[in-house]
Amino acid sequence: MTVDAPPAPLLADPVTRILELIARRPQPRLVLGLIGLPGAGKSTLGHRLAQEVNIRLGSLRMQTLGMDGFHRTRAALAQFPDPAHAVRRRGAPWTFDATGLADRVRQLRDAARAPAPLAVAWPGFEHGAGDPVEDAVIVGPDIRVVLVEGLYLLHQADGWNLDGLLDECWYLDVDLETAMERLIARHMSSWAMGRDQALAKVAANDRLNAQTVAQGSRRADWRVG
């Protein structure tokens, strides 16, 4: 599917879709992707879907993971040709370890196929320190569905390429201005910014990142709302 393709069809019932995929697909683990604009609510939706699927299945079989743990560290950004610009644009696709993320997604798939299924460690992100934390989350061998949520899972530049690693990837369809208003409120709350400061931060970084995400959205298998 190309960027010029029509928007992905709307998926009315994501939970039912996940249960259908479990029933239809023979592989021991499904890996799904969920992309969306900054501020779209990807983490909230991902955790809600996992909770509902686990309730329906009667056991812990689905887990949601974020891609924040693949941010490049502050020390790594300091090695960029323009460190100040790299820090300001943190969250842009080129400020992530895209290869590391692809390798870990591949591990999620391979570990479930092993003769004795293995646990896989996944990095988290410490917002207080502003850096990733290795092995913050463990995906156990009994997990049947992993949903990875993030901005750039369908991006195909800056070292990003997850082709063949996701069984399906969905786009959380939220209006741009709604998403940006959420980010403004988040910046004001998290960083004690005034509204003008938050607006400037969104304009200088988040809107640019949102444009990149939107370009990849037409490669999604489904839209969810």
Protein backbone atom coordinates (compact mmCIF):
# COMPACT_ATOMS: atom_id res chain seq x y z
CA MET A 1 0.00 0.00 0.00
CA THR A 2 1.41 3.43 -0.92
CA VAL A 3 1.00 6.80 0.74
CA ASP A 4 -1.36 7.75 -2.13
CA ALA A 5 -3.67 4.80 -1.41
CA PRO A 6 -7.12 5.46 0.05
CA PRO A 7 -7.48 5.48 3.84
CA ALA A 8 -7.58 2.11 5.55
CA PRO A 9 -11.06 0.69 6.23
CA LEU A 10 -12.62 1.38 9.62
CA LEU A 11 -12.45 -1.46 12.16
CA ALA A 12 -15.59 -1.25 14.26
CA ASP A 13 -14.73 -3.89 16.86
CA PRO A 14 -10.97 -4.27 17.51
CA VAL A 15 -11.44 -6.82 20.32
CA THR A 16 -13.42 -9.16 18.09
CA ARG A 17 -10.78 -8.74 15.38
CA ILE A 18 -8.01 -9.79 17.78
CA LEU A 19 -9.97 -12.84 18.89
CA GLU A 20 -10.59 -13.76 15.25
CA LEU A 21 -6.89 -13.49 14.47
CA ILE A 22 -6.04 -15.75 17.41
CA ALA A 23 -8.49 -18.33 16.12
CA ARG A 24 -7.40 -18.11 12.46
CA ARG A 25 -3.63 -17.73 12.64
CA PRO A 26 -1.53 -20.84 13.36
CA GLN A 27 1.58 -19.06 14.62
CA PRO A 28 2.22 -19.18 18.38
CA ARG A 29 2.28 -15.40 18.78
CA LEU A 30 0.60 -12.50 17.00
CA VAL A 31 2.41 -9.16 16.91
CA LEU A 32 0.14 -6.23 16.15
CA GLY A 33 1.04 -2.58 15.70
CA LEU A 34 -0.92 0.51 16.69
CA ILE A 35 0.19 3.88 15.33
CA GLY A 36 -1.32 7.32 15.71
CA LEU A 37 -0.50 10.99 16.01
CA PRO A 38 1.26 12.25 19.12
CA GLY A 39 -1.51 12.74 21.67
CA ALA A 40 -3.93 10.39 19.90
CA GLY A 41 -4.28 8.09 22.92
CA LYS A 42 -2.38 5.03 21.68
CA SER A 43 -1.23 3.86 25.12
CA THR A 44 -4.70 4.22 26.60
CA LEU A 45 -6.34 2.29 23.77
CA GLY A 46 -3.66 -0.39 23.72
CA HIS A 47 -3.99 -1.14 27.42
CA ARG A 48 -7.78 -1.14 27.21
CA LEU A 49 -7.74 -3.62 24.33
CA ALA A 50 -5.36 -5.92 26.22
CA GLN A 51 -7.56 -5.77 29.32
CA GLU A 52 -10.72 -6.59 27.35
CA VAL A 53 -9.10 -9.44 25.39
CA ASN A 54 -7.69 -10.97 28.58
CA ILE A 55 -11.12 -10.79 30.21
CA ARG A 56 -12.69 -12.50 27.19
CA LEU A 57 -10.02 -15.21 27.18
CA GLY A 58 -10.09 -15.68 30.96
CA SER A 59 -6.30 -15.42 31.34
CA LEU A 60 -3.35 -13.11 30.69
CA ARG A 61 -2.70 -13.76 26.99
CA MET A 62 -2.28 -10.25 25.54
CA GLN A 63 0.22 -7.56 26.45
CA THR A 64 0.73 -3.99 25.19
CA LEU A 65 4.22 -2.51 24.78
CA GLY A 66 5.32 1.04 23.95
CA MET A 67 8.25 2.14 21.81
CA ASP A 68 9.46 4.89 24.18
CA GLY A 69 12.22 2.58 25.43
CA PHE A 70 13.87 2.89 22.04
CA HIS A 71 14.49 6.63 22.36
CA ARG A 72 18.17 7.29 21.91
CA THR A 73 19.77 8.23 25.20
CA ARG A 74 20.73 11.80 26.01
CA ALA A 75 24.35 10.72 25.79
CA ALA A 76 23.75 9.40 22.25
CA LEU A 77 21.98 12.60 21.20
CA ALA A 78 24.97 14.56 22.48
CA GLN A 79 27.06 12.86 19.78
CA PHE A 80 24.89 14.19 16.94
CA PRO A 81 26.40 16.93 14.71
CA ASP A 82 23.98 19.43 16.29
CA PRO A 83 23.26 18.12 19.81
CA ALA A 84 20.99 21.02 20.78
CA HIS A 85 18.82 20.44 17.71
CA ALA A 86 18.72 16.69 18.39
CA VAL A 87 17.48 17.30 21.94
CA ARG A 88 14.85 19.81 20.74
CA ARG A 89 13.62 17.32 18.14
CA ARG A 90 13.64 14.34 20.47
CA GLY A 91 10.68 12.24 19.40
CA ALA A 92 11.37 12.69 15.69
CA PRO A 93 11.92 9.36 13.87
CA TRP A 94 15.66 9.83 13.58
CA THR A 95 16.02 10.20 17.38
CA PHE A 96 14.95 6.56 17.94
CA ASP A 97 16.91 3.34 17.67
CA ALA A 98 14.76 1.96 14.86
CA THR A 99 17.05 -1.02 14.20
CA GLY A 100 16.99 -1.96 17.87
CA LEU A 101 13.20 -1.88 17.87
CA ALA A 102 13.00 -4.09 14.77
CA ASP A 103 15.41 -6.58 16.33
CA ARG A 104 13.35 -6.76 19.52
CA VAL A 105 10.09 -7.26 17.61
CA ARG A 106 11.81 -10.08 15.75
CA GLN A 107 12.78 -11.58 19.11
CA LEU A 108 9.14 -11.46 20.19
CA ARG A 109 8.24 -13.61 17.21
CA ASP A 110 11.21 -15.98 17.35
CA ALA A 111 10.99 -16.59 21.11
CA ALA A 112 7.45 -17.92 20.77
CA ARG A 113 8.54 -20.37 18.04
CA ALA A 114 11.40 -21.85 20.08
CA PRO A 115 11.04 -25.51 21.17
CA ALA A 116 10.81 -24.18 24.72
CA PRO A 117 9.20 -20.72 24.40
CA LEU A 118 11.30 -17.98 25.99
CA ALA A 119 10.58 -14.75 27.82
CA VAL A 120 11.62 -11.53 26.07
CA ALA A 121 12.76 -8.37 27.85
CA TRP A 122 11.52 -5.00 26.56
CA PRO A 123 12.88 -1.56 27.48
CA GLY A 124 10.86 1.11 29.24
CA PHE A 125 11.41 4.83 29.63
CA GLU A 126 12.14 6.74 32.82
CA HIS A 127 10.57 10.16 32.34
CA GLY A 128 12.21 11.55 35.46
CA ALA A 129 15.68 10.73 34.15
CA GLY A 130 14.70 11.22 30.51
CA ASP A 131 16.32 7.99 29.32
CA PRO A 132 15.38 4.42 28.40
CA VAL A 133 15.54 1.64 30.99
CA GLU A 134 16.67 -1.74 29.70
CA ASP A 135 14.66 -4.87 30.55
CA ALA A 136 11.90 -2.87 32.23
CA VAL A 137 9.12 -5.15 30.96
CA ILE A 138 9.04 -8.92 30.49
CA VAL A 139 6.89 -10.64 27.88
CA GLY A 140 6.31 -14.14 29.19
CA PRO A 141 6.12 -17.25 27.03
CA ASP A 142 2.34 -17.57 27.58
CA ILE A 143 1.58 -14.25 25.90
CA ARG A 144 -0.32 -15.02 22.69
CA VAL A 145 -0.78 -11.46 21.39
CA VAL A 146 1.61 -8.52 21.69
CA LEU A 147 0.43 -5.09 20.64
CA VAL A 148 3.26 -2.59 20.06
CA GLU A 149 2.08 1.02 20.08
CA GLY A 150 4.08 3.95 18.79
CA LEU A 151 4.40 6.70 16.24
CA TYR A 152 6.56 5.29 13.47
CA LEU A 153 5.80 1.60 13.06
CA LEU A 154 4.81 2.21 9.42
CA HIS A 155 7.52 4.78 8.71
CA GLN A 156 10.00 3.79 5.99
CA ALA A 157 12.84 6.26 6.28
CA ASP A 158 15.42 7.20 8.94
CA GLY A 159 16.28 3.51 9.40
CA TRP A 160 12.69 2.41 10.02
CA ASN A 161 11.38 -0.76 8.37
CA LEU A 162 9.12 -3.24 10.18
CA ASP A 163 7.83 -4.88 7.01
CA GLY A 164 7.06 -8.54 7.67
CA LEU A 165 7.33 -8.19 11.45
CA LEU A 166 3.75 -7.09 12.23
CA ASP A 167 0.79 -9.32 11.49
CA GLU A 168 -1.38 -6.21 11.21
CA CYS A 169 -0.87 -2.52 11.97
CA TRP A 170 -3.77 -0.22 12.88
CA TYR A 171 -4.05 3.55 12.77
CA LEU A 172 -5.78 5.32 15.66
CA ASP A 173 -7.70 7.99 13.78
CA VAL A 174 -7.91 11.16 15.88
CA ASP A 175 -8.33 14.71 14.58
CA LEU A 176 -5.02 16.60 14.44
CA GLU A 177 -6.17 19.57 16.49
CA THR A 178 -7.68 17.33 19.16
CA ALA A 179 -4.38 15.50 19.47
CA MET A 180 -2.38 18.74 19.60
CA GLU A 181 -4.62 20.19 22.31
CA ARG A 182 -4.04 17.08 24.38
CA LEU A 183 -0.30 17.53 23.97
CA ILE A 184 -0.49 21.18 24.97
CA ALA A 185 -2.33 20.21 28.15
CA ARG A 186 0.19 17.41 28.80
CA HIS A 187 3.18 19.72 28.38
CA MET A 188 1.63 22.31 30.67
CA SER A 189 0.94 19.69 33.34
CA SER A 190 4.16 17.67 33.07
CA TRP A 191 6.65 20.50 32.64
CA ALA A 192 4.89 23.39 34.40
CA MET A 193 4.79 25.32 31.12
CA GLY A 194 2.55 28.23 30.33
CA ARG A 195 0.25 27.81 27.36
CA ASP A 196 2.47 29.91 25.07
CA GLN A 197 5.48 27.74 25.90
CA ALA A 198 3.49 24.58 25.27
CA LEU A 199 2.19 25.94 21.96
CA ALA A 200 5.75 26.72 20.87
CA LYS A 201 6.94 23.23 21.80
CA VAL A 202 4.10 21.62 19.87
CA ALA A 203 4.75 23.81 16.82
CA ALA A 204 8.50 23.14 16.83
CA ASN A 205 8.35 19.38 17.24
CA ASP A 206 5.04 17.59 17.78
CA ARG A 207 3.26 18.94 14.68
CA LEU A 208 6.24 17.99 12.54
CA ASN A 209 6.18 14.47 13.96
CA ALA A 210 2.42 14.27 13.43
CA GLN A 211 2.90 15.03 9.72
CA THR A 212 5.34 12.12 9.46
CA VAL A 213 2.92 9.75 11.19
CA ALA A 214 0.04 10.84 8.96
CA GLN A 215 2.08 10.09 5.84
CA GLY A 216 2.45 6.47 6.92
CA SER A 217 -1.15 6.06 8.08
CA ARG A 218 -2.43 5.00 4.66
CA ARG A 219 -0.27 1.88 4.85
CA ALA A 220 -2.27 0.69 7.86
CA ASP A 221 -4.47 -2.40 7.61
CA TRP A 222 -7.30 -0.79 9.60
CA ARG A 223 -8.37 2.49 11.17
CA VAL A 224 -9.67 2.45 14.72
CA GLY A 225 -11.36 5.24 16.61
